[in-house]
Amino acid sequence: MTLKTKYYLRPTGFVNQELGRTFYKKSEAINFFGNYYLYIELISKVGKKVSRNLLKTKDFLKGFEKNKEVFSLFSELQKKRKTILNNKKFFKNDKKNLIFSILNITPDSFSDGGENNDVQLNCKKSLKMIDDGADFIDVGGESTRPGAIKVDPTDEILRILPTLQSLDHRKINISLDTRNSETMELGIFSGVKVINDVSALTNDKKSINIIKKYNIPVVLMHMPGDPTTMMKKNKYFNITLDVYDYLEKRIRFCESMGIKKENIIIDPGIGFGKDFDQNIILLKNLSIFHTLGCLVMLGVSRKRFISVISKDSEPKDRLGGTIATIIYSLMQGIQVHRVHDVKETKQAIQTFEKLNEN
């Protein structure tokens, strides 16, 4: 039996807009939402054999139309997308980047567990985060750190509901970090506008129907197993391609169930079932995920891989590494950032955009 070849494309060779436009006019660069790249890596996989071919953009553009699958990937990369960024239901004006600010109402989250149990303080903190530049407050009532024990949906709801209602009363955009359909629906009743599911809608079979029923954007994240097992299941053939294939399947499943692609955001799940080396490889290859045709969310805020590099053991001491990784992701076209430190992230993004512009 002849094995089918599967292709992947990864834009690389970032240059600033001034240089990029010069190269673009000569067909020596591609433009992805204002970012310019001089090279395209064409990756092919046949069974367990992977081949990588780094091509100058000009050379790629000469020959890619001969292959329908490669042409489809490139078309997905280039086409205009209707997403949460330009949906007037969420924002009056188009956005280039989004910041989701983390508000964990949990006793055991890795960075801020036990800090956000007072509703009034949660609202005060959220208003400050919005003022600092957050577009959404991402509320969570269950820790999904490695080894975390599953929380009963009733307990999860009791933790988050007062804060959700209070934030909605203040007309704050809310995202809800949950993998339980019951929590999703009550959250939506309480003003939640985006569902962020670390299980990519696999934990609860009813979740897909909730997303469809309320026509609400959803974040699909890659995680092997669940928080109690994921670090034992981090066995991959090729970490980047395996995560890509998983997210591709989840997108197709959602579409088959009637979910609009414009409502899907994907997240490679840094730190979820990945060791240090696997996280680094994924971060170096983020731009490959754009050919899936969805916005990409990145959650690297205060993650453990930073402490392996800098030896800062406490999560709150990892701001510098967080900002460096976000800047690196901006160079790969990532537009959605889930963070703890909003003001610093906003400042970093604004500065990068100013330095990058023509």
Protein backbone atom coordinates (compact mmCIF):
# COMPACT_ATOMS: atom_id res chain seq x y z
CA MET A 1 0.00 0.00 0.00
CA THR A 2 1.32 3.41 -0.97
CA LEU A 3 1.40 5.83 1.96
CA LYS A 4 -0.08 9.27 1.35
CA THR A 5 2.16 12.30 1.67
CA LYS A 6 0.93 15.01 4.02
CA TYR A 7 2.25 18.56 3.66
CA TYR A 8 2.74 21.43 6.08
CA LEU A 9 3.88 25.03 5.53
CA ARG A 10 5.77 27.23 7.97
CA PRO A 11 6.48 30.90 7.16
CA THR A 12 9.87 31.98 8.54
CA GLY A 13 12.56 34.60 8.04
CA PHE A 14 10.70 37.53 9.61
CA VAL A 15 11.68 41.04 8.48
CA ASN A 16 10.23 44.40 9.48
CA GLN A 17 7.59 46.13 7.37
CA GLU A 18 10.00 48.52 5.65
CA LEU A 19 12.16 45.70 4.31
CA GLY A 20 9.19 43.38 3.92
CA ARG A 21 7.31 45.65 1.56
CA THR A 22 10.40 46.05 -0.60
CA PHE A 23 10.83 42.29 -0.87
CA TYR A 24 7.06 41.77 -1.28
CA LYS A 25 6.96 43.96 -4.38
CA LYS A 26 9.59 41.71 -5.93
CA SER A 27 7.69 38.54 -4.88
CA GLU A 28 10.52 37.74 -2.49
CA ALA A 29 8.38 37.83 0.66
CA ILE A 30 4.89 36.86 1.72
CA ASN A 31 2.62 39.07 3.81
CA PHE A 32 0.70 37.51 6.67
CA PHE A 33 -1.51 40.15 8.38
CA GLY A 34 1.23 42.80 8.25
CA ASN A 35 4.15 40.45 8.98
CA TYR A 36 6.60 39.70 6.19
CA TYR A 37 8.58 36.48 5.74
CA LEU A 38 11.40 35.72 3.31
CA TYR A 39 11.20 31.94 3.49
CA ILE A 40 8.64 29.16 3.56
CA GLU A 41 9.52 25.79 5.00
CA LEU A 42 7.77 23.01 3.10
CA ILE A 43 7.44 19.96 5.33
CA SER A 44 6.28 16.58 4.05
CA LYS A 45 5.42 13.48 6.07
CA VAL A 46 5.11 9.96 4.67
CA GLY A 47 4.41 7.47 7.43
CA LYS A 48 7.22 8.02 9.94
CA LYS A 49 9.50 9.86 7.52
CA VAL A 50 9.57 13.66 7.67
CA SER A 51 11.35 15.85 5.11
CA ARG A 52 11.94 19.58 5.53
CA ASN A 53 12.80 21.91 2.68
CA LEU A 54 13.52 25.60 3.35
CA LEU A 55 12.61 27.61 0.26
CA LYS A 56 13.06 31.24 -0.63
CA THR A 57 9.60 32.73 -1.08
CA LYS A 58 10.29 33.49 -4.72
CA ASP A 59 11.22 29.86 -5.42
CA PHE A 60 8.20 28.57 -3.52
CA LEU A 61 5.81 30.85 -5.40
CA LYS A 62 7.14 29.54 -8.73
CA GLY A 63 6.22 25.94 -8.05
CA PHE A 64 3.61 25.53 -5.30
CA GLU A 65 0.58 25.75 -7.62
CA LYS A 66 1.49 22.37 -9.12
CA ASN A 67 0.51 20.63 -5.87
CA LYS A 68 -3.17 20.98 -4.89
CA GLU A 69 -2.60 20.23 -1.21
CA VAL A 70 0.25 22.71 -0.90
CA PHE A 71 -1.77 25.28 -2.84
CA SER A 72 -4.67 24.79 -0.40
CA LEU A 73 -2.40 25.35 2.60
CA PHE A 74 -0.93 28.50 1.10
CA SER A 75 -4.41 29.80 0.23
CA GLU A 76 -5.51 29.25 3.84
CA LEU A 77 -2.48 31.20 5.00
CA GLN A 78 -3.21 34.14 2.71
CA LYS A 79 -6.98 34.49 2.78
CA LYS A 80 -8.79 37.16 4.76
CA ARG A 81 -10.49 35.77 7.83
CA LYS A 82 -13.59 36.78 9.72
CA THR A 83 -12.68 36.23 13.37
CA ILE A 84 -13.25 37.68 16.80
CA LEU A 85 -10.65 40.34 15.88
CA ASN A 86 -12.97 42.01 13.37
CA ASN A 87 -16.37 41.02 14.75
CA LYS A 88 -18.37 44.13 15.68
CA LYS A 89 -20.24 42.07 18.28
CA PHE A 90 -17.06 42.20 20.37
CA PHE A 91 -15.20 45.34 19.28
CA LYS A 92 -16.22 48.52 17.49
CA ASN A 93 -12.93 48.69 15.60
CA ASP A 94 -10.78 45.90 14.20
CA LYS A 95 -8.04 44.61 16.47
CA LYS A 96 -4.63 43.24 15.49
CA ASN A 97 -3.89 41.56 18.83
CA LEU A 98 -5.97 40.41 21.78
CA ILE A 99 -4.99 40.08 25.43
CA PHE A 100 -6.85 37.59 27.62
CA SER A 101 -6.08 38.38 31.26
CA ILE A 102 -6.05 35.44 33.68
CA LEU A 103 -8.29 35.46 36.74
CA ASN A 104 -8.13 32.10 38.49
CA ILE A 105 -10.73 31.67 41.23
CA THR A 106 -9.07 28.52 42.51
CA PRO A 107 -7.17 27.45 45.61
CA ASP A 108 -4.48 25.59 43.66
CA SER A 109 -3.54 27.30 40.39
CA PHE A 110 0.22 27.31 39.83
CA SER A 111 0.74 31.09 39.94
CA ASP A 112 -2.20 32.81 41.62
CA GLY A 113 -4.05 30.04 43.44
CA GLY A 114 -6.01 31.28 46.46
CA GLU A 115 -5.56 34.96 45.61
CA ASN A 116 -8.94 35.71 43.97
CA ASN A 117 -11.67 34.46 46.29
CA ASP A 118 -13.30 37.81 47.06
CA VAL A 119 -15.87 39.01 44.49
CA GLN A 120 -15.34 42.71 45.13
CA LEU A 121 -11.58 42.36 44.88
CA ASN A 122 -11.97 40.28 41.70
CA CYS A 123 -14.01 43.06 40.10
CA LYS A 124 -11.54 45.73 41.21
CA LYS A 125 -8.65 43.68 39.83
CA SER A 126 -10.53 43.04 36.56
CA LEU A 127 -11.32 46.72 36.06
CA LYS A 128 -7.63 47.46 36.55
CA MET A 129 -6.68 44.80 34.00
CA ILE A 130 -9.16 46.22 31.48
CA ASP A 131 -7.72 49.69 32.10
CA ASP A 132 -4.22 48.25 31.55
CA GLY A 133 -5.24 46.89 28.14
CA ALA A 134 -6.96 43.52 28.58
CA ASP A 135 -9.61 42.70 25.99
CA PHE A 136 -11.08 39.79 27.96
CA ILE A 137 -10.94 38.60 31.54
CA ASP A 138 -10.38 34.84 31.37
CA VAL A 139 -12.07 33.45 34.48
CA GLY A 140 -11.30 29.92 35.68
CA GLY A 141 -12.70 27.87 38.53
CA GLU A 142 -10.63 24.72 38.10
CA SER A 143 -6.86 24.45 38.10
CA THR A 144 -5.47 22.48 35.15
CA ARG A 145 -1.82 22.59 36.22
CA PRO A 146 0.04 19.26 35.98
CA GLY A 147 -1.32 16.86 38.58
CA ALA A 148 -4.42 18.94 39.40
CA ILE A 149 -7.43 16.93 40.55
CA LYS A 150 -10.69 17.31 38.62
CA VAL A 151 -13.23 19.64 40.24
CA ASP A 152 -16.93 18.80 40.35
CA PRO A 153 -18.85 21.17 38.01
CA THR A 154 -21.12 22.24 40.88
CA ASP A 155 -18.12 23.38 42.94
CA GLU A 156 -16.64 25.07 39.87
CA ILE A 157 -19.87 26.98 39.27
CA LEU A 158 -20.16 28.06 42.91
CA ARG A 159 -16.62 29.44 42.74
CA ILE A 160 -17.04 31.53 39.60
CA LEU A 161 -20.70 32.52 39.31
CA PRO A 162 -20.72 35.58 41.64
CA THR A 163 -17.65 37.01 39.90
CA LEU A 164 -19.06 36.34 36.40
CA GLN A 165 -22.33 38.11 37.26
CA SER A 166 -20.50 41.06 38.77
CA LEU A 167 -18.19 41.43 35.75
CA ASP A 168 -21.12 41.16 33.35
CA HIS A 169 -22.96 43.88 35.30
CA ARG A 170 -19.96 46.11 34.61
CA LYS A 171 -20.06 45.19 30.89
CA ILE A 172 -16.62 43.58 30.93
CA ASN A 173 -15.79 41.07 28.19
CA ILE A 174 -15.54 37.65 29.84
CA SER A 175 -13.88 34.45 28.70
CA LEU A 176 -14.52 31.29 30.70
CA ASP A 177 -11.81 28.67 31.19
CA THR A 178 -13.76 25.43 31.67
CA ARG A 179 -14.08 21.91 30.25
CA ASN A 180 -17.58 21.22 31.61
CA SER A 181 -20.76 21.80 29.58
CA GLU A 182 -22.90 22.70 32.62
CA THR A 183 -20.40 25.37 33.65
CA MET A 184 -20.25 26.64 30.06
CA GLU A 185 -24.00 27.12 29.80
CA LEU A 186 -24.43 28.83 33.17
CA GLY A 187 -21.43 30.99 32.30
CA ILE A 188 -22.99 32.04 29.00
CA PHE A 189 -26.21 32.91 30.86
CA SER A 190 -24.03 35.12 33.07
CA GLY A 191 -22.44 37.07 30.22
CA VAL A 192 -19.53 34.90 29.07
CA LYS A 193 -18.60 35.65 25.43
CA VAL A 194 -15.81 33.11 24.79
CA ILE A 195 -15.28 29.55 26.05
CA ASN A 196 -11.68 28.44 26.64
CA ASP A 197 -11.54 24.63 26.87
CA VAL A 198 -8.18 22.99 27.63
CA SER A 199 -9.64 19.64 26.52
CA ALA A 200 -10.65 20.96 23.06
CA LEU A 201 -14.26 19.89 23.80
CA THR A 202 -13.28 16.25 24.50
CA ASN A 203 -13.85 16.18 28.27
CA ASP A 204 -17.65 16.56 28.08
CA LYS A 205 -19.58 15.27 25.07
CA LYS A 206 -22.33 17.84 25.65
CA SER A 207 -19.94 20.80 25.30
CA ILE A 208 -20.02 20.85 21.49
CA ASN A 209 -23.79 21.31 21.58
CA ILE A 210 -23.47 24.27 23.96
CA ILE A 211 -20.99 25.99 21.63
CA LYS A 212 -23.27 25.39 18.65
CA LYS A 213 -26.47 26.39 20.46
CA TYR A 214 -25.14 29.77 21.55
CA ASN A 215 -22.92 30.42 18.50
CA ILE A 216 -20.04 31.43 20.74
CA PRO A 217 -16.27 31.47 20.03
CA VAL A 218 -14.29 28.60 21.54
CA VAL A 219 -10.60 27.99 22.21
CA LEU A 220 -9.47 24.45 21.41
CA MET A 221 -6.26 23.56 23.22
CA HIS A 222 -3.97 20.57 22.78
CA MET A 223 -3.47 18.45 25.87
CA PRO A 224 -2.77 14.70 25.89
CA GLY A 225 -5.01 13.03 28.47
CA ASP A 226 -6.00 15.25 31.39
CA PRO A 227 -4.09 17.26 34.04
CA THR A 228 -3.47 14.14 36.13
CA THR A 229 -2.03 12.11 33.24
CA MET A 230 -0.74 14.57 30.63
CA MET A 231 2.91 14.58 31.75
CA LYS A 232 2.95 10.78 31.42
CA LYS A 233 1.48 10.96 27.92
CA ASN A 234 3.98 13.34 26.35
CA LYS A 235 5.27 10.76 23.89
CA TYR A 236 5.30 12.18 20.37
CA PHE A 237 6.53 11.12 16.95
CA ASN A 238 7.08 14.78 16.07
CA ILE A 239 5.82 17.28 18.65
CA THR A 240 4.99 20.06 16.17
CA LEU A 241 3.29 17.87 13.57
CA ASP A 242 1.47 15.78 16.19
CA VAL A 243 -0.02 18.88 17.84
CA TYR A 244 -0.90 20.28 14.40
CA ASP A 245 -2.65 17.05 13.36
CA TYR A 246 -4.60 16.90 16.63
CA LEU A 247 -5.84 20.48 16.32
CA GLU A 248 -6.68 19.92 12.64
CA LYS A 249 -8.87 16.95 13.61
CA ARG A 250 -10.62 18.93 16.34
CA ILE A 251 -11.31 21.80 13.94
CA ARG A 252 -12.77 19.41 11.37
CA PHE A 253 -14.90 17.72 14.02
CA CYS A 254 -16.26 21.05 15.22
CA GLU A 255 -17.05 22.12 11.66
CA SER A 256 -18.81 18.79 11.02
CA MET A 257 -20.98 19.51 14.06
CA GLY A 258 -21.99 22.93 12.75
CA ILE A 259 -19.43 25.16 14.48
CA LYS A 260 -18.33 28.08 12.30
CA LYS A 261 -14.59 28.15 11.65
CA GLU A 262 -14.56 31.88 12.36
CA ASN A 263 -15.57 30.97 15.94
CA ILE A 264 -12.60 28.65 16.51
CA ILE A 265 -9.34 29.71 18.18
CA ILE A 266 -6.57 27.14 18.59
CA ASP A 267 -3.94 26.84 21.31
CA PRO A 268 -0.91 24.49 21.08
CA GLY A 269 -0.99 24.09 24.86
CA ILE A 270 2.49 25.10 25.99
CA GLY A 271 3.29 23.21 29.20
CA PHE A 272 0.34 20.85 28.90
CA GLY A 273 1.82 17.39 28.37
CA LYS A 274 5.11 18.81 27.06
CA ASP A 275 8.54 18.80 28.65
CA PHE A 276 11.08 21.61 28.32
CA ASP A 277 12.53 20.52 24.96
CA GLN A 278 9.07 19.89 23.49
CA ASN A 279 7.88 23.36 24.57
CA ILE A 280 10.92 25.01 22.98
CA ILE A 281 10.43 23.14 19.69
CA LEU A 282 6.75 24.17 19.58
CA LEU A 283 7.57 27.80 20.31
CA LYS A 284 10.12 27.84 17.49
CA ASN A 285 7.53 26.49 15.04
CA LEU A 286 4.39 28.43 15.98
CA SER A 287 3.84 29.91 12.52
CA ILE A 288 3.01 26.45 11.14
CA PHE A 289 -0.40 26.62 12.84
CA HIS A 290 -1.62 29.54 10.72
CA THR A 291 -2.39 27.23 7.79
CA LEU A 292 -5.18 25.74 9.91
CA GLY A 293 -7.07 28.95 9.20
CA CYS A 294 -7.88 29.93 12.80
CA LEU A 295 -6.60 32.51 15.24
CA VAL A 296 -3.85 31.12 17.46
CA MET A 297 -3.84 31.74 21.21
CA LEU A 298 -0.59 31.42 23.13
CA GLY A 299 -0.43 30.90 26.89
CA VAL A 300 3.17 31.17 28.08
CA SER A 301 2.68 33.49 31.03
CA ARG A 302 4.95 32.55 33.94
CA LYS A 303 5.31 28.99 32.62
CA ARG A 304 7.88 26.59 34.06
CA PHE A 305 10.04 26.39 30.90
CA ILE A 306 11.18 29.96 31.64
CA SER A 307 12.64 28.93 34.99
CA VAL A 308 14.62 26.14 33.30
CA ILE A 309 16.34 28.85 31.24
CA SER A 310 16.70 31.59 33.85
CA LYS A 311 16.66 29.57 37.12
CA ASP A 312 13.85 31.73 38.54
CA SER A 313 11.80 29.21 40.49
CA GLU A 314 8.88 31.42 41.51
CA PRO A 315 6.20 31.96 38.80
CA LYS A 316 5.93 35.69 39.55
CA ASP A 317 9.66 36.10 38.82
CA ARG A 318 9.20 34.94 35.21
CA LEU A 319 7.88 38.19 33.68
CA GLY A 320 11.00 38.85 31.60
CA GLY A 321 10.87 35.40 30.03
CA THR A 322 7.15 35.77 29.42
CA ILE A 323 7.60 39.06 27.56
CA ALA A 324 10.53 37.71 25.51
CA THR A 325 8.43 34.73 24.42
CA ILE A 326 5.47 36.94 23.51
CA ILE A 327 7.70 39.16 21.35
CA TYR A 328 9.11 36.03 19.68
CA SER A 329 5.54 34.84 19.04
CA LEU A 330 4.57 38.21 17.52
CA MET A 331 7.32 37.68 14.96
CA GLN A 332 5.54 34.44 14.06
CA GLY A 333 2.15 36.13 13.66
CA ILE A 334 0.50 35.09 16.94
CA GLN A 335 -2.36 37.46 17.72
CA VAL A 336 -3.99 36.21 20.94
CA HIS A 337 -2.09 36.21 24.22
CA ARG A 338 -3.27 34.78 27.56
CA VAL A 339 -1.32 36.46 30.37
CA HIS A 340 -1.17 37.43 34.03
CA ASP A 341 0.70 40.72 33.58
CA VAL A 342 -1.47 42.84 31.31
CA LYS A 343 0.19 46.26 31.51
CA GLU A 344 3.64 44.92 30.70
CA THR A 345 2.31 42.73 27.88
CA LYS A 346 0.37 45.61 26.33
CA GLN A 347 3.44 47.84 26.49
CA ALA A 348 5.61 45.16 24.89
CA ILE A 349 3.15 44.59 22.04
CA GLN A 350 2.73 48.33 21.38
CA THR A 351 6.50 48.85 21.34
CA PHE A 352 7.08 45.91 19.03
CA GLU A 353 4.41 47.13 16.62
CA LYS A 354 5.89 50.64 16.56
CA LEU A 355 9.40 49.32 15.87
CA ASN A 356 8.09 46.97 13.21
CA GLU A 357 6.02 49.48 11.27
CA ASN A 358 7.18 51.19 8.09
